[in-house]
Amino acid sequence: MADEIGFMKMPSDFKYREVYLKGRNKHDEWDDFSIKHPPMPVSRWAKIYAPFDALAGFDEKIRTSEDEFSRLNQ
């Protein structure tokens, strides 16, 4: 399983093979890194990224198109 990335077999010339196989860094609960960079609560993370709308107006355009389509097919 170590030679796989997700569901794919890892290519032998994969550029970051050693880094990937090394795994994630493990930190103690009270080491310097963990004190300076505590994990962000999911609720705060969601508040930061929820308002992001890469396709501004996309939902409204889809809704309008659906309404027009249903009117034409009645």
PDB file of N, CA and C in Angstrom:
ATOM      1  N   MET A   1       0.824  -1.195   0.000  1.00  0.00           N
ATOM      2  CA  MET A   1       0.000   0.000   0.000  1.00  0.00           C
ATOM      3  C   MET A   1       0.866   1.256   0.000  1.00  0.00           C
ATOM      4  N   ALA A   2       2.105   1.159   0.471  1.00  0.00           N
ATOM      5  CA  ALA A   2       2.979   2.334   0.524  1.00  0.00           C
ATOM      6  C   ALA A   2       3.340   2.832  -0.873  1.00  0.00           C
ATOM      7  N   ASP A   3       3.229   1.954  -1.856  1.00  0.00           N
ATOM      8  CA  ASP A   3       3.550   2.360  -3.230  1.00  0.00           C
ATOM      9  C   ASP A   3       2.333   2.868  -3.977  1.00  0.00           C
ATOM     10  N   GLU A   4       1.324   3.326  -3.241  1.00  0.00           N
ATOM     11  CA  GLU A   4       0.121   3.843  -3.874  1.00  0.00           C
ATOM     12  C   GLU A   4      -0.136   5.265  -3.413  1.00  0.00           C
ATOM     13  N   ILE A   5      -0.702   6.065  -4.298  1.00  0.00           N
ATOM     14  CA  ILE A   5      -1.147   7.417  -3.968  1.00  0.00           C
ATOM     15  C   ILE A   5      -2.651   7.384  -4.147  1.00  0.00           C
ATOM     16  N   GLY A   6      -3.376   7.346  -3.052  1.00  0.00           N
ATOM     17  CA  GLY A   6      -4.823   7.188  -3.156  1.00  0.00           C
ATOM     18  C   GLY A   6      -5.121   5.839  -3.775  1.00  0.00           C
ATOM     19  N   PHE A   7      -5.781   5.836  -4.928  1.00  0.00           N
ATOM     20  CA  PHE A   7      -6.129   4.583  -5.594  1.00  0.00           C
ATOM     21  C   PHE A   7      -5.179   4.247  -6.736  1.00  0.00           C
ATOM     22  N   MET A   8      -4.208   5.127  -7.003  1.00  0.00           N
ATOM     23  CA  MET A   8      -3.285   4.922  -8.119  1.00  0.00           C
ATOM     24  C   MET A   8      -1.966   4.316  -7.650  1.00  0.00           C
ATOM     25  N   LYS A   9      -1.347   3.532  -8.505  1.00  0.00           N
ATOM     26  CA  LYS A   9      -0.014   3.010  -8.209  1.00  0.00           C
ATOM     27  C   LYS A   9       0.975   4.155  -8.383  1.00  0.00           C
ATOM     28  N   MET A  10       1.888   4.307  -7.432  1.00  0.00           N
ATOM     29  CA  MET A  10       2.862   5.396  -7.475  1.00  0.00           C
ATOM     30  C   MET A  10       3.915   5.102  -8.539  1.00  0.00           C
ATOM     31  N   PRO A  11       4.112   6.032  -9.470  1.00  0.00           N
ATOM     32  CA  PRO A  11       5.160   5.831 -10.479  1.00  0.00           C
ATOM     33  C   PRO A  11       6.540   5.766  -9.812  1.00  0.00           C
ATOM     34  N   SER A  12       7.438   4.965 -10.357  1.00  0.00           N
ATOM     35  CA  SER A  12       8.760   4.809  -9.755  1.00  0.00           C
ATOM     36  C   SER A  12       9.570   6.102  -9.832  1.00  0.00           C
ATOM     37  N   ASP A  13       9.253   6.964 -10.814  1.00  0.00           N
ATOM     38  CA  ASP A  13       9.994   8.221 -10.938  1.00  0.00           C
ATOM     39  C   ASP A  13       9.222   9.405 -10.323  1.00  0.00           C
ATOM     40  N   PHE A  14       8.277   9.111  -9.428  1.00  0.00           N
ATOM     41  CA  PHE A  14       7.490  10.158  -8.768  1.00  0.00           C
ATOM     42  C   PHE A  14       8.432  11.107  -8.036  1.00  0.00           C
ATOM     43  N   LYS A  15       8.362  12.398  -8.387  1.00  0.00           N
ATOM     44  CA  LYS A  15       9.304  13.400  -7.896  1.00  0.00           C
ATOM     45  C   LYS A  15       9.339  13.495  -6.370  1.00  0.00           C
ATOM     46  N   TYR A  16       8.186  13.368  -5.732  1.00  0.00           N
ATOM     47  CA  TYR A  16       8.106  13.547  -4.276  1.00  0.00           C
ATOM     48  C   TYR A  16       7.906  12.223  -3.540  1.00  0.00           C
ATOM     49  N   ARG A  17       8.388  11.141  -4.112  1.00  0.00           N
ATOM     50  CA  ARG A  17       8.197   9.805  -3.542  1.00  0.00           C
ATOM     51  C   ARG A  17       8.698   9.714  -2.105  1.00  0.00           C
ATOM     52  N   GLU A  18       9.931  10.146  -1.855  1.00  0.00           N
ATOM     53  CA  GLU A  18      10.512  10.041  -0.510  1.00  0.00           C
ATOM     54  C   GLU A  18       9.720  10.860   0.500  1.00  0.00           C
ATOM     55  N   VAL A  19       9.324  12.054   0.106  1.00  0.00           N
ATOM     56  CA  VAL A  19       8.562  12.926   1.001  1.00  0.00           C
ATOM     57  C   VAL A  19       7.210  12.294   1.310  1.00  0.00           C
ATOM     58  N   TYR A  20       6.555  11.742   0.285  1.00  0.00           N
ATOM     59  CA  TYR A  20       5.244  11.125   0.468  1.00  0.00           C
ATOM     60  C   TYR A  20       5.334   9.918   1.394  1.00  0.00           C
ATOM     61  N   LEU A  21       6.329   9.079   1.164  1.00  0.00           N
ATOM     62  CA  LEU A  21       6.474   7.875   1.978  1.00  0.00           C
ATOM     63  C   LEU A  21       6.863   8.194   3.424  1.00  0.00           C
ATOM     64  N   LYS A  22       7.477   9.352   3.636  1.00  0.00           N
ATOM     65  CA  LYS A  22       7.848   9.779   4.980  1.00  0.00           C
ATOM     66  C   LYS A  22       6.607  10.007   5.845  1.00  0.00           C
ATOM     67  N   GLY A  23       5.525  10.447   5.243  1.00  0.00           N
ATOM     68  CA  GLY A  23       4.274  10.660   5.972  1.00  0.00           C
ATOM     69  C   GLY A  23       4.198  12.061   6.551  1.00  0.00           C
ATOM     70  N   ARG A  24       3.091  12.329   7.244  1.00  0.00           N
ATOM     71  CA  ARG A  24       2.869  13.638   7.848  1.00  0.00           C
ATOM     72  C   ARG A  24       3.745  13.812   9.088  1.00  0.00           C
ATOM     73  N   ASN A  25       4.117  15.045   9.350  1.00  0.00           N
ATOM     74  CA  ASN A  25       4.881  15.335  10.554  1.00  0.00           C
ATOM     75  C   ASN A  25       4.021  15.113  11.783  1.00  0.00           C
ATOM     76  N   LYS A  26       4.620  14.605  12.826  1.00  0.00           N
ATOM     77  CA  LYS A  26       3.908  14.394  14.090  1.00  0.00           C
ATOM     78  C   LYS A  26       4.478  15.378  15.097  1.00  0.00           C
ATOM     79  N   HIS A  27       3.601  16.096  15.764  1.00  0.00           N
ATOM     80  CA  HIS A  27       4.022  17.065  16.763  1.00  0.00           C
ATOM     81  C   HIS A  27       3.407  16.718  18.111  1.00  0.00           C
ATOM     82  N   ASP A  28       4.179  16.972  19.160  1.00  0.00           N
ATOM     83  CA  ASP A  28       3.629  16.816  20.500  1.00  0.00           C
ATOM     84  C   ASP A  28       2.616  17.923  20.740  1.00  0.00           C
ATOM     85  N   GLU A  29       1.712  17.704  21.676  1.00  0.00           N
ATOM     86  CA  GLU A  29       0.655  18.671  21.935  1.00  0.00           C
ATOM     87  C   GLU A  29       1.199  20.029  22.360  1.00  0.00           C
ATOM     88  N   TRP A  30       2.298  20.044  23.085  1.00  0.00           N
ATOM     89  CA  TRP A  30       2.802  21.311  23.623  1.00  0.00           C
ATOM     90  C   TRP A  30       4.194  21.667  23.112  1.00  0.00           C
ATOM     91  N   ASP A  31       4.579  21.186  21.923  1.00  0.00           N
ATOM     92  CA  ASP A  31       5.880  21.597  21.385  1.00  0.00           C
ATOM     93  C   ASP A  31       5.755  23.003  20.784  1.00  0.00           C
ATOM     94  N   ASP A  32       6.902  23.607  20.440  1.00  0.00           N
ATOM     95  CA  ASP A  32       6.912  24.991  19.944  1.00  0.00           C
ATOM     96  C   ASP A  32       6.012  25.182  18.723  1.00  0.00           C
ATOM     97  N   PHE A  33       6.052  24.243  17.793  1.00  0.00           N
ATOM     98  CA  PHE A  33       5.243  24.376  16.586  1.00  0.00           C
ATOM     99  C   PHE A  33       3.756  24.382  16.915  1.00  0.00           C
ATOM    100  N   SER A  34       3.327  23.433  17.750  1.00  0.00           N
ATOM    101  CA  SER A  34       1.905  23.328  18.087  1.00  0.00           C
ATOM    102  C   SER A  34       1.408  24.533  18.868  1.00  0.00           C
ATOM    103  N   ILE A  35       2.274  25.126  19.679  1.00  0.00           N
ATOM    104  CA  ILE A  35       1.875  26.319  20.432  1.00  0.00           C
ATOM    105  C   ILE A  35       1.725  27.506  19.476  1.00  0.00           C
ATOM    106  N   LYS A  36       2.648  27.648  18.524  1.00  0.00           N
ATOM    107  CA  LYS A  36       2.584  28.765  17.572  1.00  0.00           C
ATOM    108  C   LYS A  36       1.505  28.558  16.508  1.00  0.00           C
ATOM    109  N   HIS A  37       1.202  27.307  16.178  1.00  0.00           N
ATOM    110  CA  HIS A  37       0.250  26.998  15.105  1.00  0.00           C
ATOM    111  C   HIS A  37      -0.788  25.987  15.592  1.00  0.00           C
ATOM    112  N   PRO A  38      -1.689  26.404  16.484  1.00  0.00           N
ATOM    113  CA  PRO A  38      -2.703  25.449  16.952  1.00  0.00           C
ATOM    114  C   PRO A  38      -3.680  25.109  15.823  1.00  0.00           C
ATOM    115  N   PRO A  39      -4.273  23.918  15.870  1.00  0.00           N
ATOM    116  CA  PRO A  39      -5.215  23.564  14.807  1.00  0.00           C
ATOM    117  C   PRO A  39      -6.436  24.488  14.848  1.00  0.00           C
ATOM    118  N   MET A  40      -6.895  24.870  13.674  1.00  0.00           N
ATOM    119  CA  MET A  40      -8.050  25.764  13.585  1.00  0.00           C
ATOM    120  C   MET A  40      -9.330  24.949  13.759  1.00  0.00           C
ATOM    121  N   PRO A  41     -10.243  25.421  14.594  1.00  0.00           N
ATOM    122  CA  PRO A  41     -11.519  24.703  14.742  1.00  0.00           C
ATOM    123  C   PRO A  41     -12.288  24.694  13.412  1.00  0.00           C
ATOM    124  N   VAL A  42     -12.995  23.624  13.148  1.00  0.00           N
ATOM    125  CA  VAL A  42     -13.723  23.478  11.892  1.00  0.00           C
ATOM    126  C   VAL A  42     -14.733  24.613  11.717  1.00  0.00           C
ATOM    127  N   SER A  43     -15.371  25.054  12.794  1.00  0.00           N
ATOM    128  CA  SER A  43     -16.369  26.124  12.675  1.00  0.00           C
ATOM    129  C   SER A  43     -15.731  27.417  12.172  1.00  0.00           C
ATOM    130  N   ARG A  44     -14.535  27.717  12.629  1.00  0.00           N
ATOM    131  CA  ARG A  44     -13.848  28.928  12.171  1.00  0.00           C
ATOM    132  C   ARG A  44     -13.386  28.774  10.724  1.00  0.00           C
ATOM    133  N   TRP A  45     -12.890  27.593  10.397  1.00  0.00           N
ATOM    134  CA  TRP A  45     -12.437  27.316   9.040  1.00  0.00           C
ATOM    135  C   TRP A  45     -13.600  27.488   8.072  1.00  0.00           C
ATOM    136  N   ALA A  46     -14.767  26.978   8.447  1.00  0.00           N
ATOM    137  CA  ALA A  46     -15.953  27.078   7.593  1.00  0.00           C
ATOM    138  C   ALA A  46     -16.364  28.535   7.408  1.00  0.00           C
ATOM    139  N   LYS A  47     -16.260  29.346   8.442  1.00  0.00           N
ATOM    140  CA  LYS A  47     -16.627  30.759   8.339  1.00  0.00           C
ATOM    141  C   LYS A  47     -15.710  31.492   7.369  1.00  0.00           C
ATOM    142  N   ILE A  48     -14.460  31.098   7.317  1.00  0.00           N
ATOM    143  CA  ILE A  48     -13.504  31.763   6.438  1.00  0.00           C
ATOM    144  C   ILE A  48     -13.791  31.429   4.974  1.00  0.00           C
ATOM    145  N   TYR A  49     -14.070  30.158   4.691  1.00  0.00           N
ATOM    146  CA  TYR A  49     -14.181  29.725   3.302  1.00  0.00           C
ATOM    147  C   TYR A  49     -15.604  29.666   2.772  1.00  0.00           C
ATOM    148  N   ALA A  50     -16.610  29.703   3.612  1.00  0.00           N
ATOM    149  CA  ALA A  50     -18.001  29.609   3.154  1.00  0.00           C
ATOM    150  C   ALA A  50     -18.402  30.751   2.218  1.00  0.00           C
ATOM    151  N   PRO A  51     -18.008  31.997   2.490  1.00  0.00           N
ATOM    152  CA  PRO A  51     -18.462  33.078   1.616  1.00  0.00           C
ATOM    153  C   PRO A  51     -17.802  33.082   0.240  1.00  0.00           C
ATOM    154  N   PHE A  52     -16.756  32.310   0.054  1.00  0.00           N
ATOM    155  CA  PHE A  52     -16.037  32.307  -1.213  1.00  0.00           C
ATOM    156  C   PHE A  52     -16.915  31.732  -2.315  1.00  0.00           C
ATOM    157  N   ASP A  53     -17.127  32.494  -3.356  1.00  0.00           N
ATOM    158  CA  ASP A  53     -17.935  32.045  -4.488  1.00  0.00           C
ATOM    159  C   ASP A  53     -17.137  32.312  -5.757  1.00  0.00           C
ATOM    160  N   ALA A  54     -16.437  31.299  -6.224  1.00  0.00           N
ATOM    161  CA  ALA A  54     -15.561  31.473  -7.387  1.00  0.00           C
ATOM    162  C   ALA A  54     -16.347  31.862  -8.633  1.00  0.00           C
ATOM    163  N   LEU A  55     -17.556  31.401  -8.736  1.00  0.00           N
ATOM    164  CA  LEU A  55     -18.381  31.706  -9.893  1.00  0.00           C
ATOM    165  C   LEU A  55     -19.554  32.566  -9.450  1.00  0.00           C
ATOM    166  N   ALA A  56     -19.273  33.822  -9.156  1.00  0.00           N
ATOM    167  CA  ALA A  56     -20.297  34.737  -8.672  1.00  0.00           C
ATOM    168  C   ALA A  56     -21.449  34.806  -9.669  1.00  0.00           C
ATOM    169  N   GLY A  57     -22.656  34.616  -9.174  1.00  0.00           N
ATOM    170  CA  GLY A  57     -23.841  34.683 -10.010  1.00  0.00           C
ATOM    171  C   GLY A  57     -24.175  33.387 -10.725  1.00  0.00           C
ATOM    172  N   PHE A  58     -23.348  32.357 -10.562  1.00  0.00           N
ATOM    173  CA  PHE A  58     -23.563  31.089 -11.265  1.00  0.00           C
ATOM    174  C   PHE A  58     -24.877  30.436 -10.843  1.00  0.00           C
ATOM    175  N   ASP A  59     -25.127  30.367  -9.521  1.00  0.00           N
ATOM    176  CA  ASP A  59     -26.360  29.742  -9.030  1.00  0.00           C
ATOM    177  C   ASP A  59     -27.594  30.453  -9.565  1.00  0.00           C
ATOM    178  N   GLU A  60     -27.567  31.781  -9.576  1.00  0.00           N
ATOM    179  CA  GLU A  60     -28.699  32.562 -10.083  1.00  0.00           C
ATOM    180  C   GLU A  60     -28.916  32.295 -11.571  1.00  0.00           C
ATOM    181  N   LYS A  61     -27.859  32.226 -12.339  1.00  0.00           N
ATOM    182  CA  LYS A  61     -27.957  31.959 -13.782  1.00  0.00           C
ATOM    183  C   LYS A  61     -28.543  30.573 -14.022  1.00  0.00           C
ATOM    184  N   ILE A  62     -28.119  29.581 -13.264  1.00  0.00           N
ATOM    185  CA  ILE A  62     -28.652  28.221 -13.397  1.00  0.00           C
ATOM    186  C   ILE A  62     -30.147  28.223 -13.073  1.00  0.00           C
ATOM    187  N   ARG A  63     -30.512  28.892 -11.979  1.00  0.00           N
ATOM    188  CA  ARG A  63     -31.915  28.964 -11.576  1.00  0.00           C
ATOM    189  C   ARG A  63     -32.758  29.617 -12.680  1.00  0.00           C
ATOM    190  N   THR A  64     -32.266  30.707 -13.257  1.00  0.00           N
ATOM    191  CA  THR A  64     -32.976  31.399 -14.329  1.00  0.00           C
ATOM    192  C   THR A  64     -33.124  30.488 -15.549  1.00  0.00           C
ATOM    193  N   SER A  65     -32.058  29.793 -15.908  1.00  0.00           N
ATOM    194  CA  SER A  65     -32.097  28.883 -17.054  1.00  0.00           C
ATOM    195  C   SER A  65     -33.090  27.749 -16.820  1.00  0.00           C
ATOM    196  N   GLU A  66     -33.127  27.213 -15.593  1.00  0.00           N
ATOM    197  CA  GLU A  66     -34.073  26.146 -15.266  1.00  0.00           C
ATOM    198  C   GLU A  66     -35.506  26.649 -15.380  1.00  0.00           C
ATOM    199  N   ASP A  67     -35.753  27.877 -14.909  1.00  0.00           N
ATOM    200  CA  ASP A  67     -37.092  28.439 -15.005  1.00  0.00           C
ATOM    201  C   ASP A  67     -37.507  28.613 -16.462  1.00  0.00           C
ATOM    202  N   GLU A  68     -36.619  29.117 -17.301  1.00  0.00           N
ATOM    203  CA  GLU A  68     -36.923  29.290 -18.717  1.00  0.00           C
ATOM    204  C   GLU A  68     -37.185  27.952 -19.391  1.00  0.00           C
ATOM    205  N   PHE A  69     -36.376  26.957 -19.071  1.00  0.00           N
ATOM    206  CA  PHE A  69     -36.527  25.629 -19.641  1.00  0.00           C
ATOM    207  C   PHE A  69     -37.870  25.026 -19.258  1.00  0.00           C
ATOM    208  N   SER A  70     -38.264  25.160 -17.960  1.00  0.00           N
ATOM    209  CA  SER A  70     -39.542  24.593 -17.542  1.00  0.00           C
ATOM    210  C   SER A  70     -40.719  25.323 -18.189  1.00  0.00           C
ATOM    211  N   ARG A  71     -40.589  26.628 -18.382  1.00  0.00           N
ATOM    212  CA  ARG A  71     -41.668  27.382 -19.035  1.00  0.00           C
ATOM    213  C   ARG A  71     -41.826  26.941 -20.483  1.00  0.00           C
ATOM    214  N   LEU A  72     -40.716  26.707 -21.174  1.00  0.00           N
ATOM    215  CA  LEU A  72     -40.786  26.295 -22.580  1.00  0.00           C
ATOM    216  C   LEU A  72     -41.343  24.882 -22.753  1.00  0.00           C
ATOM    217  N   ASN A  73     -41.142  24.032 -21.755  1.00  0.00           N
ATOM    218  CA  ASN A  73     -41.558  22.633 -21.868  1.00  0.00           C
ATOM    219  C   ASN A  73     -42.899  22.342 -21.192  1.00  0.00           C
ATOM    220  N   GLN A  74     -43.669  23.359 -20.920  1.00  0.00           N
ATOM    221  CA  GLN A  74     -44.977  23.111 -20.292  1.00  0.00           C
ATOM    222  C   GLN A  74     -46.047  22.977 -21.321  1.00  0.00           C
TER     223      GLN A  74
END
